[in-house]
Amino acid sequence: MEWRDQGIVLGTRRFGENGLILDAFTREHGRQSGMIYGGGSSKKRASYEVGTSLELEWRARTENQLGHFNLSEPTANRAAMYLSSRLALTALNSVTSLLNTSLPDGQAYPALYDATETVLDHLSEKEVWPALMVSWEVGFLRTVGYGLDFTKCAVSGRKDKLTHVSPRTGRAACGEEVPEYVDKILPLPAFLTSSDADAEPLDIGQGFYLTGHFITGRLYAEAHRPPPGARELMIRRLVDLGLVVFA
């Protein structure tokens, strides 16, 4: 069996003296792992940094066997691009860690792949990417089965003035429809439902609080493990820079 695809490096593991197992998120074949013969050398490892985009060729004798990768030159070596920015590197690690620890093997998610490329390519623009990251996390949660629904109010069915989200169902609500529950449900920042809305630091903080509820309290809690530490570090650094504010 063999195929060719675009892929983003999610991580690597040493195998034997000179081998390397590469974990990648590919556009048409989902999360995949494969051996790189001789990939453990320091010279070659520089091409497999987390977040790097590559053209991949995967081969194996059978579908269930650990195959091996032949790789092209990187099309985007983002670890090198963002080497001078601790903030950008932490964001890159947050994205790749979430993907690597949550996606099933072999399931294609082309829309999530394209969104991941977009957010990773904007990490040099710190005034732009935090809001993109929140939107990416919403899409990520939907992909892995936590279908956040911001299309209409779960109580009345109205499609305007959506201000909150149920922490249990992930469905949007109009706060004025359920005033007695406003202090028990999650704020929904307007930029997640309207492209015309601004994303100020407080709005972004509300967004990360919302996605964090489902990432930490649902996705990883149900797997009985903590979420990747890179996400918490990313948010802490955003707060230190005043790019994210929590009320």
C-alpha atoms as a PDB file:
ATOM      1  CA  MET A   1       0.000   0.000   0.000  1.00  0.00           C
ATOM      2  CA  GLU A   2       1.134   3.523  -0.652  1.00  0.00           C
ATOM      3  CA  TRP A   3      -0.139   7.068  -0.903  1.00  0.00           C
ATOM      4  CA  ARG A   4       1.052  10.653  -1.236  1.00  0.00           C
ATOM      5  CA  ASP A   5      -0.317  13.567   0.740  1.00  0.00           C
ATOM      6  CA  GLN A   6       0.402  16.891   2.403  1.00  0.00           C
ATOM      7  CA  GLY A   7       1.210  16.675   6.085  1.00  0.00           C
ATOM      8  CA  ILE A   8       2.034  18.673   9.212  1.00  0.00           C
ATOM      9  CA  VAL A   9       4.542  17.183  11.647  1.00  0.00           C
ATOM     10  CA  LEU A  10       2.926  16.579  15.050  1.00  0.00           C
ATOM     11  CA  GLY A  11       5.843  14.889  16.777  1.00  0.00           C
ATOM     12  CA  THR A  12       8.698  12.415  16.491  1.00  0.00           C
ATOM     13  CA  ARG A  13       9.984   9.485  18.538  1.00  0.00           C
ATOM     14  CA  ARG A  14      13.353   7.802  18.419  1.00  0.00           C
ATOM     15  CA  PHE A  15      13.376   4.194  17.225  1.00  0.00           C
ATOM     16  CA  GLY A  16      16.543   2.187  17.717  1.00  0.00           C
ATOM     17  CA  GLU A  17      19.899   3.825  17.096  1.00  0.00           C
ATOM     18  CA  ASN A  18      19.185   5.785  13.928  1.00  0.00           C
ATOM     19  CA  GLY A  19      15.480   5.382  13.247  1.00  0.00           C
ATOM     20  CA  LEU A  20      12.692   7.841  13.873  1.00  0.00           C
ATOM     21  CA  ILE A  21       8.924   7.449  14.017  1.00  0.00           C
ATOM     22  CA  LEU A  22       7.142  10.513  12.714  1.00  0.00           C
ATOM     23  CA  ASP A  23       3.554  11.422  13.635  1.00  0.00           C
ATOM     24  CA  ALA A  24       1.852  13.619  11.048  1.00  0.00           C
ATOM     25  CA  PHE A  25      -1.551  15.134  10.403  1.00  0.00           C
ATOM     26  CA  THR A  26      -2.242  14.666   6.699  1.00  0.00           C
ATOM     27  CA  ARG A  27      -4.964  16.320   4.682  1.00  0.00           C
ATOM     28  CA  GLU A  28      -6.547  13.267   3.042  1.00  0.00           C
ATOM     29  CA  HIS A  29      -5.401  10.447   5.361  1.00  0.00           C
ATOM     30  CA  GLY A  30      -5.702  12.041   8.803  1.00  0.00           C
ATOM     31  CA  ARG A  31      -3.279  11.332  11.603  1.00  0.00           C
ATOM     32  CA  GLN A  32      -0.601   8.881  10.468  1.00  0.00           C
ATOM     33  CA  SER A  33       2.634   7.464  11.841  1.00  0.00           C
ATOM     34  CA  GLY A  34       5.558   6.044   9.938  1.00  0.00           C
ATOM     35  CA  MET A  35       9.212   5.146  10.169  1.00  0.00           C
ATOM     36  CA  ILE A  36      11.956   7.336   8.742  1.00  0.00           C
ATOM     37  CA  TYR A  37      15.068   5.261   8.210  1.00  0.00           C
ATOM     38  CA  GLY A  38      18.133   7.161   9.379  1.00  0.00           C
ATOM     39  CA  GLY A  39      15.895   9.971  10.580  1.00  0.00           C
ATOM     40  CA  GLY A  40      17.479  10.038  14.020  1.00  0.00           C
ATOM     41  CA  SER A  41      20.599  11.851  12.820  1.00  0.00           C
ATOM     42  CA  SER A  42      20.897  15.432  14.042  1.00  0.00           C
ATOM     43  CA  LYS A  43      21.193  16.683  10.465  1.00  0.00           C
ATOM     44  CA  LYS A  44      17.937  15.078   9.350  1.00  0.00           C
ATOM     45  CA  ARG A  45      15.947  15.819  12.499  1.00  0.00           C
ATOM     46  CA  ALA A  46      16.021  19.536  11.671  1.00  0.00           C
ATOM     47  CA  SER A  47      13.651  18.775   8.769  1.00  0.00           C
ATOM     48  CA  TYR A  48      11.095  17.121  11.062  1.00  0.00           C
ATOM     49  CA  GLU A  49      10.491  19.865  13.612  1.00  0.00           C
ATOM     50  CA  VAL A  50       6.971  20.054  15.013  1.00  0.00           C
ATOM     51  CA  GLY A  51       4.700  22.215  12.856  1.00  0.00           C
ATOM     52  CA  THR A  52       6.677  21.688   9.657  1.00  0.00           C
ATOM     53  CA  SER A  53       4.622  21.096   6.502  1.00  0.00           C
ATOM     54  CA  LEU A  54       5.882  18.436   4.101  1.00  0.00           C
ATOM     55  CA  GLU A  55       4.915  16.451   1.057  1.00  0.00           C
ATOM     56  CA  LEU A  56       4.706  12.853   2.295  1.00  0.00           C
ATOM     57  CA  GLU A  57       4.906   9.468   0.633  1.00  0.00           C
ATOM     58  CA  TRP A  58       3.806   6.573   2.856  1.00  0.00           C
ATOM     59  CA  ARG A  59       4.358   2.894   2.080  1.00  0.00           C
ATOM     60  CA  ALA A  60       3.526  -0.324   3.935  1.00  0.00           C
ATOM     61  CA  ARG A  61       2.987  -3.974   3.031  1.00  0.00           C
ATOM     62  CA  THR A  62      -0.441  -4.043   4.683  1.00  0.00           C
ATOM     63  CA  GLU A  63      -2.913  -1.416   5.868  1.00  0.00           C
ATOM     64  CA  ASN A  64      -2.363  -2.238   9.558  1.00  0.00           C
ATOM     65  CA  GLN A  65       1.427  -2.327   9.433  1.00  0.00           C
ATOM     66  CA  LEU A  66       3.595   0.567  10.589  1.00  0.00           C
ATOM     67  CA  GLY A  67       4.691   1.986   7.264  1.00  0.00           C
ATOM     68  CA  HIS A  68       7.571   4.240   6.400  1.00  0.00           C
ATOM     69  CA  PHE A  69       7.706   7.786   5.090  1.00  0.00           C
ATOM     70  CA  ASN A  70       9.664   9.251   2.245  1.00  0.00           C
ATOM     71  CA  LEU A  71       9.690  13.008   2.657  1.00  0.00           C
ATOM     72  CA  SER A  72      10.252  16.001   0.417  1.00  0.00           C
ATOM     73  CA  GLU A  73      11.945  19.212   1.446  1.00  0.00           C
ATOM     74  CA  PRO A  74       9.758  21.145   3.899  1.00  0.00           C
ATOM     75  CA  THR A  75       7.223  23.503   2.322  1.00  0.00           C
ATOM     76  CA  ALA A  76       6.986  25.473   5.589  1.00  0.00           C
ATOM     77  CA  ASN A  77       9.523  25.036   8.391  1.00  0.00           C
ATOM     78  CA  ARG A  78       7.571  26.944  11.015  1.00  0.00           C
ATOM     79  CA  ALA A  79       9.796  26.117  13.983  1.00  0.00           C
ATOM     80  CA  ALA A  80      12.596  27.968  12.165  1.00  0.00           C
ATOM     81  CA  MET A  81      10.245  30.759  11.063  1.00  0.00           C
ATOM     82  CA  TYR A  82       9.123  31.464  14.634  1.00  0.00           C
ATOM     83  CA  LEU A  83      12.388  30.697  16.399  1.00  0.00           C
ATOM     84  CA  SER A  84      12.644  34.225  17.796  1.00  0.00           C
ATOM     85  CA  SER A  85       9.132  34.198  19.289  1.00  0.00           C
ATOM     86  CA  ARG A  86       8.454  32.120  22.384  1.00  0.00           C
ATOM     87  CA  LEU A  87       4.789  33.045  22.109  1.00  0.00           C
ATOM     88  CA  ALA A  88       4.449  31.763  18.541  1.00  0.00           C
ATOM     89  CA  LEU A  89       6.335  28.547  19.318  1.00  0.00           C
ATOM     90  CA  THR A  90       4.099  27.869  22.318  1.00  0.00           C
ATOM     91  CA  ALA A  91       1.006  28.393  20.157  1.00  0.00           C
ATOM     92  CA  LEU A  92       2.428  26.027  17.536  1.00  0.00           C
ATOM     93  CA  ASN A  93       3.050  23.427  20.231  1.00  0.00           C
ATOM     94  CA  SER A  94      -0.473  23.864  21.597  1.00  0.00           C
ATOM     95  CA  VAL A  95      -2.059  23.160  18.211  1.00  0.00           C
ATOM     96  CA  THR A  96       0.118  20.171  17.349  1.00  0.00           C
ATOM     97  CA  SER A  97      -0.184  18.662  20.842  1.00  0.00           C
ATOM     98  CA  LEU A  98      -3.983  18.863  20.769  1.00  0.00           C
ATOM     99  CA  LEU A  99      -4.060  17.165  17.367  1.00  0.00           C
ATOM    100  CA  ASN A 100      -1.511  14.513  18.277  1.00  0.00           C
ATOM    101  CA  THR A 101      -3.238  13.466  21.492  1.00  0.00           C
ATOM    102  CA  SER A 102      -6.860  13.617  20.315  1.00  0.00           C
ATOM    103  CA  LEU A 103      -7.256  12.598  16.680  1.00  0.00           C
ATOM    104  CA  PRO A 104      -7.907   8.955  15.810  1.00  0.00           C
ATOM    105  CA  ASP A 105      -5.546   7.286  13.368  1.00  0.00           C
ATOM    106  CA  GLY A 106      -6.402   7.342   9.696  1.00  0.00           C
ATOM    107  CA  GLN A 107      -9.528   9.535   9.795  1.00  0.00           C
ATOM    108  CA  ALA A 108      -9.370  12.382   7.268  1.00  0.00           C
ATOM    109  CA  TYR A 109     -10.429  15.891   8.315  1.00  0.00           C
ATOM    110  CA  PRO A 110      -9.542  18.114   5.347  1.00  0.00           C
ATOM    111  CA  ALA A 111     -11.407  21.175   6.684  1.00  0.00           C
ATOM    112  CA  LEU A 112      -9.552  20.954  10.007  1.00  0.00           C
ATOM    113  CA  TYR A 113      -6.280  20.454   8.134  1.00  0.00           C
ATOM    114  CA  ASP A 114      -6.846  23.620   6.083  1.00  0.00           C
ATOM    115  CA  ALA A 115      -7.812  25.588   9.210  1.00  0.00           C
ATOM    116  CA  THR A 116      -4.677  24.341  10.961  1.00  0.00           C
ATOM    117  CA  GLU A 117      -2.475  25.515   8.093  1.00  0.00           C
ATOM    118  CA  THR A 118      -4.161  28.916   8.267  1.00  0.00           C
ATOM    119  CA  VAL A 119      -3.670  29.464  11.986  1.00  0.00           C
ATOM    120  CA  LEU A 120      -0.075  28.189  11.932  1.00  0.00           C
ATOM    121  CA  ASP A 121       0.771  30.530   9.056  1.00  0.00           C
ATOM    122  CA  HIS A 122      -0.429  33.577  11.025  1.00  0.00           C
ATOM    123  CA  LEU A 123       1.525  33.025  14.236  1.00  0.00           C
ATOM    124  CA  SER A 124       3.850  35.930  13.470  1.00  0.00           C
ATOM    125  CA  GLU A 125       0.850  38.315  13.765  1.00  0.00           C
ATOM    126  CA  LYS A 126       0.138  38.336  17.486  1.00  0.00           C
ATOM    127  CA  GLU A 127      -2.643  40.923  17.110  1.00  0.00           C
ATOM    128  CA  VAL A 128      -4.469  38.543  14.753  1.00  0.00           C
ATOM    129  CA  TRP A 129      -3.912  34.916  15.668  1.00  0.00           C
ATOM    130  CA  PRO A 130      -5.342  34.719  19.234  1.00  0.00           C
ATOM    131  CA  ALA A 131      -8.886  35.187  17.866  1.00  0.00           C
ATOM    132  CA  LEU A 132      -8.068  32.769  15.029  1.00  0.00           C
ATOM    133  CA  MET A 133      -6.873  30.282  17.625  1.00  0.00           C
ATOM    134  CA  VAL A 134     -10.165  30.431  19.516  1.00  0.00           C
ATOM    135  CA  SER A 135     -12.055  29.802  16.276  1.00  0.00           C
ATOM    136  CA  TRP A 136      -9.665  26.965  15.460  1.00  0.00           C
ATOM    137  CA  GLU A 137     -10.308  25.364  18.863  1.00  0.00           C
ATOM    138  CA  VAL A 138     -14.064  25.572  18.243  1.00  0.00           C
ATOM    139  CA  GLY A 139     -13.576  23.759  14.930  1.00  0.00           C
ATOM    140  CA  PHE A 140     -11.248  21.243  16.551  1.00  0.00           C
ATOM    141  CA  LEU A 141     -13.848  20.442  19.221  1.00  0.00           C
ATOM    142  CA  ARG A 142     -16.524  19.951  16.583  1.00  0.00           C
ATOM    143  CA  THR A 143     -14.208  17.629  14.682  1.00  0.00           C
ATOM    144  CA  VAL A 144     -13.504  15.380  17.668  1.00  0.00           C
ATOM    145  CA  GLY A 145     -17.178  15.078  18.566  1.00  0.00           C
ATOM    146  CA  TYR A 146     -18.044  18.023  20.776  1.00  0.00           C
ATOM    147  CA  GLY A 147     -20.374  19.735  18.341  1.00  0.00           C
ATOM    148  CA  LEU A 148     -20.632  23.266  19.642  1.00  0.00           C
ATOM    149  CA  ASP A 149     -23.687  24.782  17.979  1.00  0.00           C
ATOM    150  CA  PHE A 150     -23.858  28.568  17.745  1.00  0.00           C
ATOM    151  CA  THR A 151     -26.507  28.733  15.002  1.00  0.00           C
ATOM    152  CA  LYS A 152     -29.601  29.388  17.130  1.00  0.00           C
ATOM    153  CA  CYS A 153     -30.875  29.619  20.690  1.00  0.00           C
ATOM    154  CA  ALA A 154     -31.497  26.193  22.172  1.00  0.00           C
ATOM    155  CA  VAL A 155     -34.455  27.591  24.143  1.00  0.00           C
ATOM    156  CA  SER A 156     -36.336  29.827  21.699  1.00  0.00           C
ATOM    157  CA  GLY A 157     -34.814  28.976  18.317  1.00  0.00           C
ATOM    158  CA  ARG A 158     -34.006  32.624  17.570  1.00  0.00           C
ATOM    159  CA  LYS A 159     -30.810  33.267  15.642  1.00  0.00           C
ATOM    160  CA  ASP A 160     -29.895  36.709  16.962  1.00  0.00           C
ATOM    161  CA  LYS A 161     -28.621  37.978  20.312  1.00  0.00           C
ATOM    162  CA  LEU A 162     -26.819  34.717  21.081  1.00  0.00           C
ATOM    163  CA  THR A 163     -24.829  35.503  24.209  1.00  0.00           C
ATOM    164  CA  HIS A 164     -24.165  32.250  26.062  1.00  0.00           C
ATOM    165  CA  VAL A 165     -23.478  28.529  25.653  1.00  0.00           C
ATOM    166  CA  SER A 166     -24.716  25.602  27.692  1.00  0.00           C
ATOM    167  CA  PRO A 167     -21.742  23.984  29.467  1.00  0.00           C
ATOM    168  CA  ARG A 168     -23.529  20.649  29.177  1.00  0.00           C
ATOM    169  CA  THR A 169     -24.725  20.547  25.561  1.00  0.00           C
ATOM    170  CA  GLY A 170     -22.525  23.124  23.838  1.00  0.00           C
ATOM    171  CA  ARG A 171     -25.592  24.791  22.315  1.00  0.00           C
ATOM    172  CA  ALA A 172     -26.002  28.557  22.180  1.00  0.00           C
ATOM    173  CA  ALA A 173     -28.618  30.510  24.120  1.00  0.00           C
ATOM    174  CA  CYS A 174     -29.947  34.057  24.366  1.00  0.00           C
ATOM    175  CA  GLY A 175     -29.195  35.222  27.873  1.00  0.00           C
ATOM    176  CA  GLU A 176     -32.358  37.295  27.995  1.00  0.00           C
ATOM    177  CA  GLU A 177     -34.395  34.148  27.365  1.00  0.00           C
ATOM    178  CA  VAL A 178     -32.978  32.402  30.437  1.00  0.00           C
ATOM    179  CA  PRO A 179     -32.023  35.175  32.897  1.00  0.00           C
ATOM    180  CA  GLU A 180     -32.226  32.794  35.844  1.00  0.00           C
ATOM    181  CA  TYR A 181     -29.399  30.682  34.360  1.00  0.00           C
ATOM    182  CA  VAL A 182     -27.041  33.377  33.064  1.00  0.00           C
ATOM    183  CA  ASP A 183     -24.619  32.961  35.951  1.00  0.00           C
ATOM    184  CA  LYS A 184     -24.453  29.200  35.305  1.00  0.00           C
ATOM    185  CA  ILE A 185     -23.800  29.191  31.556  1.00  0.00           C
ATOM    186  CA  LEU A 186     -20.759  30.202  29.536  1.00  0.00           C
ATOM    187  CA  PRO A 187     -20.372  33.605  27.825  1.00  0.00           C
ATOM    188  CA  LEU A 188     -20.308  33.441  24.033  1.00  0.00           C
ATOM    189  CA  PRO A 189     -18.138  36.210  22.526  1.00  0.00           C
ATOM    190  CA  ALA A 190     -19.758  37.908  19.554  1.00  0.00           C
ATOM    191  CA  PHE A 191     -16.791  37.331  17.213  1.00  0.00           C
ATOM    192  CA  LEU A 192     -17.611  33.612  17.170  1.00  0.00           C
ATOM    193  CA  THR A 193     -21.032  34.268  15.652  1.00  0.00           C
ATOM    194  CA  SER A 194     -20.432  37.433  13.610  1.00  0.00           C
ATOM    195  CA  SER A 195     -17.511  38.267  11.341  1.00  0.00           C
ATOM    196  CA  ASP A 196     -18.249  41.969  11.893  1.00  0.00           C
ATOM    197  CA  ALA A 197     -17.711  41.821  15.665  1.00  0.00           C
ATOM    198  CA  ASP A 198     -14.445  42.963  17.211  1.00  0.00           C
ATOM    199  CA  ALA A 199     -12.281  40.551  19.157  1.00  0.00           C
ATOM    200  CA  GLU A 200     -10.909  42.505  22.094  1.00  0.00           C
ATOM    201  CA  PRO A 201      -8.700  40.864  24.754  1.00  0.00           C
ATOM    202  CA  LEU A 202     -11.734  40.264  27.015  1.00  0.00           C
ATOM    203  CA  ASP A 203     -13.649  38.670  24.133  1.00  0.00           C
ATOM    204  CA  ILE A 204     -10.707  36.385  23.383  1.00  0.00           C
ATOM    205  CA  GLY A 205     -10.473  35.493  27.067  1.00  0.00           C
ATOM    206  CA  GLN A 206     -14.143  34.500  27.019  1.00  0.00           C
ATOM    207  CA  GLY A 207     -13.463  32.412  23.920  1.00  0.00           C
ATOM    208  CA  PHE A 208     -10.589  30.531  25.502  1.00  0.00           C
ATOM    209  CA  TYR A 209     -12.641  30.025  28.673  1.00  0.00           C
ATOM    210  CA  LEU A 210     -15.432  28.539  26.561  1.00  0.00           C
ATOM    211  CA  THR A 211     -13.228  26.195  24.529  1.00  0.00           C
ATOM    212  CA  GLY A 212     -11.178  25.332  27.600  1.00  0.00           C
ATOM    213  CA  HIS A 213     -14.311  24.124  29.379  1.00  0.00           C
ATOM    214  CA  PHE A 214     -14.852  21.482  26.701  1.00  0.00           C
ATOM    215  CA  ILE A 215     -11.167  20.705  26.039  1.00  0.00           C
ATOM    216  CA  THR A 216     -10.221  20.251  29.691  1.00  0.00           C
ATOM    217  CA  GLY A 217     -13.525  19.407  31.350  1.00  0.00           C
ATOM    218  CA  ARG A 218     -14.908  17.113  28.677  1.00  0.00           C
ATOM    219  CA  LEU A 219     -12.458  15.886  26.023  1.00  0.00           C
ATOM    220  CA  TYR A 220      -9.461  15.168  28.264  1.00  0.00           C
ATOM    221  CA  ALA A 221     -11.431  14.542  31.447  1.00  0.00           C
ATOM    222  CA  GLU A 222     -13.305  11.734  29.711  1.00  0.00           C
ATOM    223  CA  ALA A 223      -9.941  10.300  28.629  1.00  0.00           C
ATOM    224  CA  HIS A 224      -8.736  10.583  32.272  1.00  0.00           C
ATOM    225  CA  ARG A 225      -5.723  12.724  31.443  1.00  0.00           C
ATOM    226  CA  PRO A 226      -4.796  16.399  31.512  1.00  0.00           C
ATOM    227  CA  PRO A 227      -4.729  18.515  28.362  1.00  0.00           C
ATOM    228  CA  PRO A 228      -1.357  19.422  26.835  1.00  0.00           C
ATOM    229  CA  GLY A 229       0.541  21.866  29.010  1.00  0.00           C
ATOM    230  CA  ALA A 230       1.445  23.926  25.938  1.00  0.00           C
ATOM    231  CA  ARG A 231      -2.103  25.302  25.747  1.00  0.00           C
ATOM    232  CA  GLU A 232      -2.036  26.604  29.322  1.00  0.00           C
ATOM    233  CA  LEU A 233       1.424  28.100  28.733  1.00  0.00           C
ATOM    234  CA  MET A 234       0.230  29.776  25.528  1.00  0.00           C
ATOM    235  CA  ILE A 235      -2.703  31.400  27.313  1.00  0.00           C
ATOM    236  CA  ARG A 236      -0.535  32.478  30.242  1.00  0.00           C
ATOM    237  CA  ARG A 237       1.881  34.213  27.867  1.00  0.00           C
ATOM    238  CA  LEU A 238      -1.002  35.896  26.035  1.00  0.00           C
ATOM    239  CA  VAL A 239      -2.297  37.200  29.388  1.00  0.00           C
ATOM    240  CA  ASP A 240       1.164  38.482  30.344  1.00  0.00           C
ATOM    241  CA  LEU A 241       1.261  40.475  27.084  1.00  0.00           C
ATOM    242  CA  GLY A 242      -2.237  41.872  27.607  1.00  0.00           C
ATOM    243  CA  LEU A 243      -3.535  40.118  24.490  1.00  0.00           C
ATOM    244  CA  VAL A 244      -6.009  38.064  26.526  1.00  0.00           C
ATOM    245  CA  VAL A 245      -8.005  39.218  29.554  1.00  0.00           C
ATOM    246  CA  PHE A 246     -10.145  37.089  31.844  1.00  0.00           C
ATOM    247  CA  ALA A 247     -12.883  38.859  33.774  1.00  0.00           C
END
